[in-house]
Amino acid sequence: MQKIHVLLKKEELDAQRLEGKVVVVLDILFATSSIVTALAHGATEVIPTLDGRAAQAAAKDFPAGSYVLSGELNADTLPGFVHPTPKALLAEGIAGRRLIYCTTNGTVALAKSKGAAHVYAAALLNGRAVVERIVADHPESTILIVCSGSADNFNLEDFYGAGYLVSLFRHRAVDADFSDAALAAELLHDHCDGLDALRRARVGRMMLARRLDAEVAFAAQESCYDVVPLLQDGALRPV
């Protein structure tokens, strides 16, 4: 039997025993949405780093032109870095290049998850593909769906994304046990419009104020990509 849990923010990972578990990291606005989009459009891999300094250090291992350096700190794009949102990365040209990527929350959540048996990056954009992979490959596992949140705070958009995954698990897992947080997320998803939820969330409102409504709308799409990013040896690559 699969056991499906939802963690409301990445800081809750500190109290978890991760050995043998499957972690699914969500940062809907925008880290995991950007990671999924980059890989779906031909990026060779995504190297998640904790901050700009670590990203620049990682870039030294690769020839100039072979990578895209992208990242933010507290929602401000780092100087010399590409804006870390899906459409901005597509405009930069990501096919055939690796993405070296850092964000305030999403890449930190991925780093906190490294003790798990398997770590996936998910978004609304690839939810169905991730769930189908986990149902097929990890039928008896404990699944931790991790909302990255923001600086130790709960984020509505990540919880909505978790609800989408829970809803998909319910329809595909033959036998699963859902935590109360997972059930609450499912109820939110099943009774709300996704784009409305993302726009009304704190981060969504911030993006709208910065005239990034197109980025928010892009991230609100459900299961338009089949890519399943798995973290191995410090990089996310399609399974």
C-alpha atoms as a PDB file:
ATOM      1  CA  MET A   1       0.000   0.000   0.000  1.00  0.00           C
ATOM      2  CA  GLN A   2       1.255   3.459  -0.882  1.00  0.00           C
ATOM      3  CA  LYS A   3       1.084   6.076   1.850  1.00  0.00           C
ATOM      4  CA  ILE A   4       0.599   9.593   0.531  1.00  0.00           C
ATOM      5  CA  HIS A   5       1.577  12.550   2.722  1.00  0.00           C
ATOM      6  CA  VAL A   6       1.689  16.285   2.002  1.00  0.00           C
ATOM      7  CA  LEU A   7       4.209  18.510   3.783  1.00  0.00           C
ATOM      8  CA  LEU A   8       3.068  22.124   3.910  1.00  0.00           C
ATOM      9  CA  LYS A   9       6.553  23.635   3.589  1.00  0.00           C
ATOM     10  CA  LYS A  10      10.086  22.431   2.975  1.00  0.00           C
ATOM     11  CA  GLU A  11      11.092  23.033   6.587  1.00  0.00           C
ATOM     12  CA  GLU A  12       8.907  20.075   7.608  1.00  0.00           C
ATOM     13  CA  LEU A  13      11.429  17.805   5.879  1.00  0.00           C
ATOM     14  CA  ASP A  14      13.800  18.402   8.804  1.00  0.00           C
ATOM     15  CA  ALA A  15      11.638  16.211  11.029  1.00  0.00           C
ATOM     16  CA  GLN A  16      11.249  13.400   8.495  1.00  0.00           C
ATOM     17  CA  ARG A  17      13.183  10.180   8.173  1.00  0.00           C
ATOM     18  CA  LEU A  18      13.742  10.141   4.435  1.00  0.00           C
ATOM     19  CA  GLU A  19      15.496   6.802   4.011  1.00  0.00           C
ATOM     20  CA  GLY A  20      13.505   4.563   1.677  1.00  0.00           C
ATOM     21  CA  LYS A  21      10.879   7.203   0.932  1.00  0.00           C
ATOM     22  CA  VAL A  22       9.895   8.884  -2.318  1.00  0.00           C
ATOM     23  CA  VAL A  23       9.869  12.683  -2.296  1.00  0.00           C
ATOM     24  CA  VAL A  24       8.051  14.837  -4.828  1.00  0.00           C
ATOM     25  CA  VAL A  25       9.058  18.509  -4.662  1.00  0.00           C
ATOM     26  CA  LEU A  26       6.642  21.223  -5.764  1.00  0.00           C
ATOM     27  CA  ASP A  27       7.401  24.909  -6.298  1.00  0.00           C
ATOM     28  CA  ILE A  28       4.672  25.960  -8.684  1.00  0.00           C
ATOM     29  CA  LEU A  29       5.716  29.649  -8.906  1.00  0.00           C
ATOM     30  CA  PHE A  30       8.204  28.936 -10.314  1.00  0.00           C
ATOM     31  CA  ALA A  31      11.129  26.608  -9.648  1.00  0.00           C
ATOM     32  CA  THR A  32       9.708  23.193 -10.469  1.00  0.00           C
ATOM     33  CA  SER A  33       7.523  24.606 -13.245  1.00  0.00           C
ATOM     34  CA  SER A  34      10.685  26.038 -14.796  1.00  0.00           C
ATOM     35  CA  ILE A  35      12.642  22.803 -14.323  1.00  0.00           C
ATOM     36  CA  VAL A  36       9.894  20.745 -15.948  1.00  0.00           C
ATOM     37  CA  THR A  37       9.572  23.194 -18.839  1.00  0.00           C
ATOM     38  CA  ALA A  38      13.313  23.282 -19.476  1.00  0.00           C
ATOM     39  CA  LEU A  39      13.617  19.501 -19.620  1.00  0.00           C
ATOM     40  CA  ALA A  40      10.466  19.167 -21.721  1.00  0.00           C
ATOM     41  CA  HIS A  41      11.995  21.547 -24.254  1.00  0.00           C
ATOM     42  CA  GLY A  42      15.304  19.768 -24.641  1.00  0.00           C
ATOM     43  CA  ALA A  43      17.542  20.894 -21.780  1.00  0.00           C
ATOM     44  CA  THR A  44      20.101  18.133 -21.200  1.00  0.00           C
ATOM     45  CA  GLU A  45      19.849  18.398 -17.412  1.00  0.00           C
ATOM     46  CA  VAL A  46      19.083  20.824 -14.615  1.00  0.00           C
ATOM     47  CA  ILE A  47      21.649  21.358 -11.875  1.00  0.00           C
ATOM     48  CA  PRO A  48      19.852  22.786  -8.830  1.00  0.00           C
ATOM     49  CA  THR A  49      22.014  24.846  -6.485  1.00  0.00           C
ATOM     50  CA  LEU A  50      21.379  26.572  -3.182  1.00  0.00           C
ATOM     51  CA  ASP A  51      22.283  30.115  -4.223  1.00  0.00           C
ATOM     52  CA  GLY A  52      23.919  32.303  -6.834  1.00  0.00           C
ATOM     53  CA  ARG A  53      27.435  31.699  -5.599  1.00  0.00           C
ATOM     54  CA  ALA A  54      26.980  27.936  -5.794  1.00  0.00           C
ATOM     55  CA  ALA A  55      25.479  28.283  -9.282  1.00  0.00           C
ATOM     56  CA  GLN A  56      28.448  30.297 -10.520  1.00  0.00           C
ATOM     57  CA  ALA A  57      30.837  27.750  -9.015  1.00  0.00           C
ATOM     58  CA  ALA A  58      28.981  24.910 -10.782  1.00  0.00           C
ATOM     59  CA  ALA A  59      29.133  26.797 -14.083  1.00  0.00           C
ATOM     60  CA  LYS A  60      32.941  26.759 -14.000  1.00  0.00           C
ATOM     61  CA  ASP A  61      32.854  23.025 -14.747  1.00  0.00           C
ATOM     62  CA  PHE A  62      31.305  23.570 -18.190  1.00  0.00           C
ATOM     63  CA  PRO A  63      32.274  25.397 -21.401  1.00  0.00           C
ATOM     64  CA  ALA A  64      30.774  28.820 -21.992  1.00  0.00           C
ATOM     65  CA  GLY A  65      27.648  28.585 -24.094  1.00  0.00           C
ATOM     66  CA  SER A  66      26.843  25.037 -22.987  1.00  0.00           C
ATOM     67  CA  TYR A  67      24.640  26.148 -20.112  1.00  0.00           C
ATOM     68  CA  VAL A  68      22.064  28.704 -19.044  1.00  0.00           C
ATOM     69  CA  LEU A  69      22.579  30.349 -15.649  1.00  0.00           C
ATOM     70  CA  SER A  70      19.259  31.259 -14.067  1.00  0.00           C
ATOM     71  CA  GLY A  71      18.180  32.197 -10.587  1.00  0.00           C
ATOM     72  CA  GLU A  72      16.648  34.527  -8.059  1.00  0.00           C
ATOM     73  CA  LEU A  73      16.880  35.537  -4.422  1.00  0.00           C
ATOM     74  CA  ASN A  74      13.728  36.654  -2.637  1.00  0.00           C
ATOM     75  CA  ALA A  75      11.931  36.963  -6.001  1.00  0.00           C
ATOM     76  CA  ASP A  76      14.556  39.270  -7.516  1.00  0.00           C
ATOM     77  CA  THR A  77      16.489  37.910 -10.499  1.00  0.00           C
ATOM     78  CA  LEU A  78      20.194  37.711  -9.719  1.00  0.00           C
ATOM     79  CA  PRO A  79      22.493  40.075 -11.657  1.00  0.00           C
ATOM     80  CA  GLY A  80      23.787  38.372 -14.790  1.00  0.00           C
ATOM     81  CA  PHE A  81      21.295  35.493 -14.462  1.00  0.00           C
ATOM     82  CA  VAL A  82      18.337  34.703 -16.704  1.00  0.00           C
ATOM     83  CA  HIS A  83      14.937  35.297 -15.129  1.00  0.00           C
ATOM     84  CA  PRO A  84      13.994  31.927 -13.567  1.00  0.00           C
ATOM     85  CA  THR A  85      10.504  31.499 -15.014  1.00  0.00           C
ATOM     86  CA  PRO A  86       9.344  29.042 -17.694  1.00  0.00           C
ATOM     87  CA  LYS A  87       8.648  31.416 -20.556  1.00  0.00           C
ATOM     88  CA  ALA A  88      11.803  33.428 -19.911  1.00  0.00           C
ATOM     89  CA  LEU A  89      13.894  30.251 -20.112  1.00  0.00           C
ATOM     90  CA  LEU A  90      12.214  29.243 -23.365  1.00  0.00           C
ATOM     91  CA  ALA A  91      12.959  32.678 -24.808  1.00  0.00           C
ATOM     92  CA  GLU A  92      16.616  32.257 -23.818  1.00  0.00           C
ATOM     93  CA  GLY A  93      16.924  29.022 -25.788  1.00  0.00           C
ATOM     94  CA  ILE A  94      17.374  26.001 -23.566  1.00  0.00           C
ATOM     95  CA  ALA A  95      17.419  23.083 -26.029  1.00  0.00           C
ATOM     96  CA  GLY A  96      20.666  21.135 -25.985  1.00  0.00           C
ATOM     97  CA  ARG A  97      22.017  23.085 -23.000  1.00  0.00           C
ATOM     98  CA  ARG A  98      22.102  22.396 -19.285  1.00  0.00           C
ATOM     99  CA  LEU A  99      20.301  24.691 -16.885  1.00  0.00           C
ATOM    100  CA  ILE A 100      22.217  25.742 -13.766  1.00  0.00           C
ATOM    101  CA  TYR A 101      19.496  26.983 -11.492  1.00  0.00           C
ATOM    102  CA  CYS A 102      19.036  28.488  -8.040  1.00  0.00           C
ATOM    103  CA  THR A 103      15.971  29.801  -6.236  1.00  0.00           C
ATOM    104  CA  THR A 104      15.093  30.877  -2.738  1.00  0.00           C
ATOM    105  CA  ASN A 105      12.799  27.919  -2.077  1.00  0.00           C
ATOM    106  CA  GLY A 106      12.486  25.246  -4.765  1.00  0.00           C
ATOM    107  CA  THR A 107      16.138  24.308  -5.157  1.00  0.00           C
ATOM    108  CA  VAL A 108      16.535  24.453  -1.368  1.00  0.00           C
ATOM    109  CA  ALA A 109      13.671  21.968  -1.036  1.00  0.00           C
ATOM    110  CA  LEU A 110      15.398  19.656  -3.507  1.00  0.00           C
ATOM    111  CA  ALA A 111      18.611  19.853  -1.465  1.00  0.00           C
ATOM    112  CA  LYS A 112      16.718  19.036   1.730  1.00  0.00           C
ATOM    113  CA  SER A 113      15.255  15.943   0.034  1.00  0.00           C
ATOM    114  CA  LYS A 114      18.522  14.267  -0.931  1.00  0.00           C
ATOM    115  CA  GLY A 115      18.324  11.653   1.819  1.00  0.00           C
ATOM    116  CA  ALA A 116      15.272  10.047   0.201  1.00  0.00           C
ATOM    117  CA  ALA A 117      15.439   6.946  -1.957  1.00  0.00           C
ATOM    118  CA  HIS A 118      14.023   8.857  -4.941  1.00  0.00           C
ATOM    119  CA  VAL A 119      13.463  12.581  -5.483  1.00  0.00           C
ATOM    120  CA  TYR A 120      11.239  13.891  -8.269  1.00  0.00           C
ATOM    121  CA  ALA A 121      10.441  17.437  -9.376  1.00  0.00           C
ATOM    122  CA  ALA A 122       6.789  18.000 -10.179  1.00  0.00           C
ATOM    123  CA  ALA A 123       4.477  20.821 -11.198  1.00  0.00           C
ATOM    124  CA  LEU A 124       0.958  21.153 -12.481  1.00  0.00           C
ATOM    125  CA  LEU A 125       2.584  20.955 -15.916  1.00  0.00           C
ATOM    126  CA  ASN A 126       3.671  17.298 -15.533  1.00  0.00           C
ATOM    127  CA  GLY A 127       1.544  16.018 -12.674  1.00  0.00           C
ATOM    128  CA  ARG A 128      -0.009  13.058 -14.467  1.00  0.00           C
ATOM    129  CA  ALA A 129       3.323  11.770 -15.783  1.00  0.00           C
ATOM    130  CA  VAL A 130       4.948  11.942 -12.337  1.00  0.00           C
ATOM    131  CA  VAL A 131       2.077  10.175 -10.605  1.00  0.00           C
ATOM    132  CA  GLU A 132       1.908   7.426 -13.213  1.00  0.00           C
ATOM    133  CA  ARG A 133       5.658   6.848 -12.868  1.00  0.00           C
ATOM    134  CA  ILE A 134       5.464   6.637  -9.067  1.00  0.00           C
ATOM    135  CA  VAL A 135       2.443   4.327  -9.108  1.00  0.00           C
ATOM    136  CA  ALA A 136       4.271   2.020 -11.523  1.00  0.00           C
ATOM    137  CA  ASP A 137       7.740   2.101  -9.959  1.00  0.00           C
ATOM    138  CA  HIS A 138       7.061   2.551  -6.220  1.00  0.00           C
ATOM    139  CA  PRO A 139       3.821   0.702  -5.430  1.00  0.00           C
ATOM    140  CA  GLU A 140       4.596   0.005  -1.758  1.00  0.00           C
ATOM    141  CA  SER A 141       6.386   3.240  -0.879  1.00  0.00           C
ATOM    142  CA  THR A 142       5.699   6.177   1.389  1.00  0.00           C
ATOM    143  CA  ILE A 143       5.307   9.266  -0.789  1.00  0.00           C
ATOM    144  CA  LEU A 144       6.076  12.722   0.590  1.00  0.00           C
ATOM    145  CA  ILE A 145       4.654  15.511  -1.565  1.00  0.00           C
ATOM    146  CA  VAL A 146       6.641  18.535  -0.445  1.00  0.00           C
ATOM    147  CA  CYS A 147       5.298  22.055  -0.883  1.00  0.00           C
ATOM    148  CA  SER A 148       8.370  24.272  -1.003  1.00  0.00           C
ATOM    149  CA  GLY A 149       6.591  27.215   0.550  1.00  0.00           C
ATOM    150  CA  SER A 150       8.381  30.495   1.050  1.00  0.00           C
ATOM    151  CA  ALA A 151      10.844  31.279   3.855  1.00  0.00           C
ATOM    152  CA  ASP A 152       9.136  28.927   6.340  1.00  0.00           C
ATOM    153  CA  ASN A 153       5.667  30.017   5.232  1.00  0.00           C
ATOM    154  CA  PHE A 154       2.804  28.113   3.627  1.00  0.00           C
ATOM    155  CA  ASN A 155       2.136  28.893  -0.056  1.00  0.00           C
ATOM    156  CA  LEU A 156      -1.326  28.423  -1.560  1.00  0.00           C
ATOM    157  CA  GLU A 157      -0.092  27.592  -5.064  1.00  0.00           C
ATOM    158  CA  ASP A 158       2.082  24.699  -3.873  1.00  0.00           C
ATOM    159  CA  PHE A 159      -0.760  23.292  -1.770  1.00  0.00           C
ATOM    160  CA  TYR A 160      -3.043  23.483  -4.801  1.00  0.00           C
ATOM    161  CA  GLY A 161      -0.413  21.606  -6.818  1.00  0.00           C
ATOM    162  CA  ALA A 162      -0.170  18.973  -4.107  1.00  0.00           C
ATOM    163  CA  GLY A 163      -3.926  18.556  -4.302  1.00  0.00           C
ATOM    164  CA  TYR A 164      -3.681  17.896  -8.019  1.00  0.00           C
ATOM    165  CA  LEU A 165      -1.165  15.131  -7.420  1.00  0.00           C
ATOM    166  CA  VAL A 166      -3.281  13.621  -4.634  1.00  0.00           C
ATOM    167  CA  SER A 167      -6.328  13.632  -6.898  1.00  0.00           C
ATOM    168  CA  LEU A 168      -4.321  11.822  -9.564  1.00  0.00           C
ATOM    169  CA  PHE A 169      -3.024   9.285  -7.052  1.00  0.00           C
ATOM    170  CA  ARG A 170      -6.583   8.567  -5.941  1.00  0.00           C
ATOM    171  CA  HIS A 171      -7.611   7.716  -9.493  1.00  0.00           C
ATOM    172  CA  ARG A 172      -4.516   5.627 -10.292  1.00  0.00           C
ATOM    173  CA  ALA A 173      -3.317   3.965  -7.101  1.00  0.00           C
ATOM    174  CA  VAL A 174      -5.180   0.704  -6.493  1.00  0.00           C
ATOM    175  CA  ASP A 175      -4.565   0.870  -2.750  1.00  0.00           C
ATOM    176  CA  ALA A 176      -3.348   4.027  -1.012  1.00  0.00           C
ATOM    177  CA  ASP A 177      -3.606   5.695   2.368  1.00  0.00           C
ATOM    178  CA  PHE A 178      -3.868   9.501   2.426  1.00  0.00           C
ATOM    179  CA  SER A 179      -2.927  11.794   5.304  1.00  0.00           C
ATOM    180  CA  ASP A 180      -5.286  14.549   6.428  1.00  0.00           C
ATOM    181  CA  ALA A 181      -3.053  17.174   4.807  1.00  0.00           C
ATOM    182  CA  ALA A 182      -3.232  15.207   1.554  1.00  0.00           C
ATOM    183  CA  LEU A 183      -7.032  15.070   1.784  1.00  0.00           C
ATOM    184  CA  ALA A 184      -7.224  18.814   2.478  1.00  0.00           C
ATOM    185  CA  ALA A 185      -5.061  19.559  -0.548  1.00  0.00           C
ATOM    186  CA  GLU A 186      -7.239  17.320  -2.719  1.00  0.00           C
ATOM    187  CA  LEU A 187     -10.387  19.102  -1.576  1.00  0.00           C
ATOM    188  CA  LEU A 188      -8.852  22.471  -2.406  1.00  0.00           C
ATOM    189  CA  HIS A 189      -7.831  21.341  -5.877  1.00  0.00           C
ATOM    190  CA  ASP A 190     -11.103  19.661  -6.702  1.00  0.00           C
ATOM    191  CA  HIS A 191     -13.187  22.693  -5.717  1.00  0.00           C
ATOM    192  CA  CYS A 192     -11.062  25.540  -7.088  1.00  0.00           C
ATOM    193  CA  ASP A 193     -10.012  26.843 -10.472  1.00  0.00           C
ATOM    194  CA  GLY A 194      -6.257  26.497 -10.850  1.00  0.00           C
ATOM    195  CA  LEU A 195      -5.493  29.800 -12.497  1.00  0.00           C
ATOM    196  CA  ASP A 196      -7.675  31.646 -10.004  1.00  0.00           C
ATOM    197  CA  ALA A 197      -5.879  29.942  -7.096  1.00  0.00           C
ATOM    198  CA  LEU A 198      -2.453  30.840  -8.476  1.00  0.00           C
ATOM    199  CA  ARG A 199      -3.435  34.444  -9.174  1.00  0.00           C
ATOM    200  CA  ARG A 200      -4.881  34.914  -5.685  1.00  0.00           C
ATOM    201  CA  ALA A 201      -1.868  33.398  -3.906  1.00  0.00           C
ATOM    202  CA  ARG A 202       0.643  35.840  -2.390  1.00  0.00           C
ATOM    203  CA  VAL A 203       3.362  34.981  -4.921  1.00  0.00           C
ATOM    204  CA  GLY A 204       0.843  35.089  -7.744  1.00  0.00           C
ATOM    205  CA  ARG A 205      -0.257  38.585  -6.728  1.00  0.00           C
ATOM    206  CA  MET A 206       3.385  39.628  -6.655  1.00  0.00           C
ATOM    207  CA  MET A 207       3.876  38.281 -10.181  1.00  0.00           C
ATOM    208  CA  LEU A 208       0.765  40.051 -11.439  1.00  0.00           C
ATOM    209  CA  ALA A 209       2.059  43.322  -9.983  1.00  0.00           C
ATOM    210  CA  ARG A 210       5.243  42.736 -12.004  1.00  0.00           C
ATOM    211  CA  ARG A 211       3.182  42.139 -15.176  1.00  0.00           C
ATOM    212  CA  LEU A 212       4.060  38.451 -15.274  1.00  0.00           C
ATOM    213  CA  ASP A 213       0.497  37.196 -15.655  1.00  0.00           C
ATOM    214  CA  ALA A 214       1.526  35.153 -18.717  1.00  0.00           C
ATOM    215  CA  GLU A 215       4.041  33.240 -16.576  1.00  0.00           C
ATOM    216  CA  VAL A 216       1.409  32.514 -13.941  1.00  0.00           C
ATOM    217  CA  ALA A 217      -1.054  31.334 -16.587  1.00  0.00           C
ATOM    218  CA  PHE A 218       1.611  29.109 -18.124  1.00  0.00           C
ATOM    219  CA  ALA A 219       2.364  27.459 -14.763  1.00  0.00           C
ATOM    220  CA  ALA A 220      -1.366  26.841 -14.167  1.00  0.00           C
ATOM    221  CA  GLN A 221      -1.649  24.370 -17.068  1.00  0.00           C
ATOM    222  CA  GLU A 222      -2.203  20.773 -16.008  1.00  0.00           C
ATOM    223  CA  SER A 223      -0.321  17.817 -17.489  1.00  0.00           C
ATOM    224  CA  CYS A 224       0.777  19.283 -20.794  1.00  0.00           C
ATOM    225  CA  TYR A 225       4.222  17.641 -20.469  1.00  0.00           C
ATOM    226  CA  ASP A 226       5.206  13.995 -20.051  1.00  0.00           C
ATOM    227  CA  VAL A 227       8.679  14.657 -18.655  1.00  0.00           C
ATOM    228  CA  VAL A 228       9.501  13.154 -15.214  1.00  0.00           C
ATOM    229  CA  PRO A 229      12.581  14.815 -13.661  1.00  0.00           C
ATOM    230  CA  LEU A 230      14.510  12.581 -11.260  1.00  0.00           C
ATOM    231  CA  LEU A 231      17.338  13.878  -9.069  1.00  0.00           C
ATOM    232  CA  GLN A 232      20.476  11.744  -9.431  1.00  0.00           C
ATOM    233  CA  ASP A 233      24.095  12.655  -8.729  1.00  0.00           C
ATOM    234  CA  GLY A 234      23.229  16.290  -8.172  1.00  0.00           C
ATOM    235  CA  ALA A 235      21.286  16.827 -11.398  1.00  0.00           C
ATOM    236  CA  LEU A 236      17.681  16.481 -12.544  1.00  0.00           C
ATOM    237  CA  ARG A 237      17.259  14.457 -15.715  1.00  0.00           C
ATOM    238  CA  PRO A 238      14.210  12.916 -17.410  1.00  0.00           C
ATOM    239  CA  VAL A 239      13.491   9.350 -16.356  1.00  0.00           C
END
